[in-house]
């Protein structure tokens, strides 16, 4: 009888250990996913800011060329 109780307690302990381990691994998967999304967002943000800077540079250079053409006329 005592052996049955001890075996059931051991089984319960193993189940709890497995469940806790799975929850931890799922948390790690979620953390890695969030990290990946953050890095993708940072990359996209850098691309957008780079494109905006390039457009500003092009606009400023066009304005400068117009001013130079007016001065040379």
N, C-alpha and C. Protein backbone atom coordinates (compact mmCIF):
# COMPACT_ATOMS: atom_id res chain seq x y z
N UNK A 1 0.82 -1.20 0.00
CA UNK A 1 0.00 0.00 0.00
C UNK A 1 0.87 1.27 0.00
N UNK A 2 1.89 1.26 0.86
CA UNK A 2 2.79 2.40 0.94
C UNK A 2 3.54 2.55 -0.37
N UNK A 3 3.88 1.43 -0.96
CA UNK A 3 4.59 1.46 -2.25
C UNK A 3 3.73 2.10 -3.33
N UNK A 4 2.46 1.82 -3.35
CA UNK A 4 1.56 2.42 -4.33
C UNK A 4 1.48 3.93 -4.13
N UNK A 5 1.41 4.36 -2.90
CA UNK A 5 1.35 5.80 -2.60
C UNK A 5 2.64 6.48 -3.03
N UNK A 6 3.77 5.85 -2.73
CA UNK A 6 5.06 6.44 -3.12
C UNK A 6 5.21 6.50 -4.64
N UNK A 7 4.76 5.46 -5.31
CA UNK A 7 4.83 5.47 -6.77
C UNK A 7 3.92 6.53 -7.37
N UNK A 8 2.76 6.72 -6.81
CA UNK A 8 1.85 7.74 -7.32
C UNK A 8 2.42 9.15 -7.06
N UNK A 9 3.08 9.34 -5.90
CA UNK A 9 3.72 10.62 -5.62
C UNK A 9 4.88 10.86 -6.58
N UNK A 10 5.64 9.84 -6.86
CA UNK A 10 6.75 9.96 -7.81
C UNK A 10 6.22 10.29 -9.20
N UNK A 11 5.17 9.62 -9.60
CA UNK A 11 4.55 9.90 -10.90
C UNK A 11 4.05 11.34 -10.98
N UNK A 12 3.41 11.80 -9.90
CA UNK A 12 2.92 13.18 -9.86
C UNK A 12 4.08 14.17 -9.95
N UNK A 13 5.16 13.88 -9.23
CA UNK A 13 6.33 14.76 -9.26
C UNK A 13 6.93 14.83 -10.66
N UNK A 14 7.00 13.68 -11.32
CA UNK A 14 7.54 13.65 -12.69
C UNK A 14 6.64 14.45 -13.63
N UNK A 15 5.33 14.29 -13.50
CA UNK A 15 4.41 15.06 -14.34
C UNK A 15 4.56 16.56 -14.10
N UNK A 16 4.66 16.96 -12.86
CA UNK A 16 4.84 18.39 -12.56
C UNK A 16 6.14 18.90 -13.16
N UNK A 17 7.21 18.11 -13.02
CA UNK A 17 8.51 18.51 -13.59
C UNK A 17 8.42 18.68 -15.10
N UNK A 18 7.77 17.74 -15.76
CA UNK A 18 7.63 17.82 -17.22
C UNK A 18 6.80 19.04 -17.62
N UNK A 19 5.73 19.28 -16.91
CA UNK A 19 4.87 20.44 -17.23
C UNK A 19 5.63 21.74 -17.03
N UNK A 20 6.34 21.87 -15.91
CA UNK A 20 7.11 23.08 -15.63
C UNK A 20 8.17 23.28 -16.70
N UNK A 21 8.82 22.20 -17.09
CA UNK A 21 9.87 22.30 -18.13
C UNK A 21 9.29 22.75 -19.46
N UNK A 22 8.13 22.23 -19.82
CA UNK A 22 7.50 22.63 -21.08
C UNK A 22 7.10 24.10 -21.04
N UNK A 23 6.57 24.54 -19.92
CA UNK A 23 6.17 25.95 -19.79
C UNK A 23 7.40 26.85 -19.94
N UNK A 24 8.50 26.46 -19.32
CA UNK A 24 9.73 27.24 -19.45
C UNK A 24 10.19 27.30 -20.89
N UNK A 25 10.16 26.18 -21.58
CA UNK A 25 10.62 26.17 -22.97
C UNK A 25 9.68 27.00 -23.85
N UNK A 26 8.39 26.98 -23.56
CA UNK A 26 7.45 27.80 -24.31
C UNK A 26 7.71 29.28 -24.06
N UNK A 27 8.06 29.62 -22.83
CA UNK A 27 8.40 31.01 -22.53
C UNK A 27 9.64 31.44 -23.31
N UNK A 28 10.62 30.56 -23.39
CA UNK A 28 11.83 30.87 -24.15
C UNK A 28 11.53 31.04 -25.63
N UNK A 29 10.64 30.21 -26.16
CA UNK A 29 10.25 30.35 -27.56
C UNK A 29 9.58 31.70 -27.79
N UNK A 30 8.70 32.07 -26.88
CA UNK A 30 8.01 33.36 -26.99
C UNK A 30 9.01 34.51 -26.90
N UNK A 31 9.96 34.39 -25.98
CA UNK A 31 10.99 35.45 -25.84
C UNK A 31 11.81 35.59 -27.12
N UNK A 32 12.22 34.47 -27.68
CA UNK A 32 13.00 34.52 -28.92
C UNK A 32 12.18 35.12 -30.06
N UNK A 33 10.90 34.78 -30.11
CA UNK A 33 10.03 35.35 -31.14
C UNK A 33 9.94 36.86 -30.98
N UNK A 34 9.77 37.32 -29.75
CA UNK A 34 9.68 38.76 -29.49
C UNK A 34 10.99 39.45 -29.86
N UNK A 35 12.12 38.83 -29.52
CA UNK A 35 13.42 39.41 -29.89
C UNK A 35 13.55 39.52 -31.40
N UNK A 36 13.14 38.49 -32.10
CA UNK A 36 13.23 38.52 -33.56
C UNK A 36 12.33 39.61 -34.14
N UNK A 37 11.15 39.76 -33.59
CA UNK A 37 10.24 40.80 -34.08
C UNK A 37 10.82 42.18 -33.81
N UNK A 38 11.45 42.35 -32.65
CA UNK A 38 12.07 43.64 -32.35
C UNK A 38 13.19 43.96 -33.32
N UNK A 39 14.01 42.96 -33.62
CA UNK A 39 15.12 43.22 -34.54
C UNK A 39 14.60 43.50 -35.94
N UNK A 40 13.54 42.81 -36.35
CA UNK A 40 12.94 43.11 -37.65
C UNK A 40 12.36 44.51 -37.69
N UNK A 41 11.72 44.90 -36.59
CA UNK A 41 11.15 46.24 -36.53
C UNK A 41 12.25 47.29 -36.56
N UNK A 42 13.34 47.05 -35.85
CA UNK A 42 14.45 48.00 -35.86
C UNK A 42 15.05 48.10 -37.26
N UNK A 43 15.17 46.96 -37.94
CA UNK A 43 15.71 46.97 -39.30
C UNK A 43 14.79 47.75 -40.24
N UNK A 44 13.49 47.51 -40.13
CA UNK A 44 12.53 48.23 -40.97
C UNK A 44 12.56 49.72 -40.66
N UNK A 45 12.67 50.06 -39.38
CA UNK A 45 12.73 51.47 -38.99
C UNK A 45 13.98 52.13 -39.58
N UNK A 46 15.10 51.43 -39.54
CA UNK A 46 16.32 52.01 -40.10
C UNK A 46 16.20 52.19 -41.61
N UNK A 47 15.53 51.24 -42.27
CA UNK A 47 15.31 51.38 -43.71
C UNK A 47 14.43 52.59 -44.01
N UNK A 48 13.38 52.76 -43.23
CA UNK A 48 12.46 53.88 -43.45
C UNK A 48 13.17 55.21 -43.21
N UNK A 49 13.90 55.30 -42.10
CA UNK A 49 14.60 56.55 -41.81
C UNK A 49 15.68 56.83 -42.85
N UNK A 50 16.31 55.77 -43.35
CA UNK A 50 17.30 55.95 -44.42
C UNK A 50 16.65 56.46 -45.69
N UNK A 51 15.48 55.93 -46.02
CA UNK A 51 14.76 56.37 -47.22
C UNK A 51 14.32 57.82 -47.07
N UNK A 52 13.86 58.18 -45.89
CA UNK A 52 13.46 59.57 -45.65
C UNK A 52 14.65 60.51 -45.79
N UNK A 53 15.78 60.11 -45.24
CA UNK A 53 16.99 60.93 -45.35
C UNK A 53 17.42 61.07 -46.81
N UNK A 54 17.31 59.99 -47.57
CA UNK A 54 17.67 60.04 -48.98
C UNK A 54 16.74 60.98 -49.75
N UNK A 55 15.45 60.90 -49.47
CA UNK A 55 14.50 61.81 -50.12
C UNK A 55 14.78 63.27 -49.77
N UNK A 56 15.09 63.53 -48.52
CA UNK A 56 15.43 64.90 -48.11
C UNK A 56 16.68 65.39 -48.84
N UNK A 57 17.67 64.51 -48.94
CA UNK A 57 18.90 64.88 -49.63
C UNK A 57 18.63 65.18 -51.10
N UNK A 58 17.83 64.35 -51.74
CA UNK A 58 17.50 64.58 -53.15
C UNK A 58 16.76 65.91 -53.32
N UNK A 59 15.80 66.17 -52.44
CA UNK A 59 15.04 67.41 -52.53
C UNK A 59 15.94 68.62 -52.33
N UNK A 60 16.83 68.54 -51.34
CA UNK A 60 17.75 69.66 -51.10
C UNK A 60 18.71 69.86 -52.26
N UNK A 61 19.18 68.77 -52.85
CA UNK A 61 20.09 68.92 -53.98
C UNK A 61 19.37 69.50 -55.20
N UNK A 62 18.11 69.12 -55.40
CA UNK A 62 17.33 69.71 -56.49
C UNK A 62 17.10 71.20 -56.27
N UNK A 63 16.79 71.58 -55.03
CA UNK A 63 16.62 72.99 -54.72
C UNK A 63 17.91 73.76 -54.95
N UNK A 64 19.03 73.17 -54.56
CA UNK A 64 20.32 73.82 -54.76
C UNK A 64 20.63 73.99 -56.25
N UNK A 65 20.31 72.97 -57.04
CA UNK A 65 20.54 73.07 -58.49
C UNK A 65 19.67 74.16 -59.10
N UNK A 66 18.41 74.25 -58.63
CA UNK A 66 17.54 75.32 -59.14
C UNK A 66 18.08 76.70 -58.79
N UNK A 67 18.54 76.85 -57.56
CA UNK A 67 19.11 78.13 -57.14
C UNK A 67 20.36 78.47 -57.95
N UNK A 68 21.19 77.47 -58.20
CA UNK A 68 22.41 77.71 -58.98
C UNK A 68 22.06 78.08 -60.42
N UNK A 69 21.03 77.45 -60.98
CA UNK A 69 20.64 77.78 -62.36
C UNK A 69 20.07 79.20 -62.43
N UNK A 70 19.38 79.62 -61.39
CA UNK A 70 18.85 80.99 -61.35
C UNK A 70 20.01 81.98 -61.24
N UNK A 71 21.00 81.66 -60.45
CA UNK A 71 22.14 82.55 -60.26
C UNK A 71 22.95 82.68 -61.55
N UNK A 72 23.10 81.59 -62.30
CA UNK A 72 23.91 81.60 -63.52
C UNK A 72 23.19 82.24 -64.69
N UNK A 73 21.89 82.46 -64.58
CA UNK A 73 21.16 83.07 -65.70
C UNK A 73 21.37 84.51 -65.77
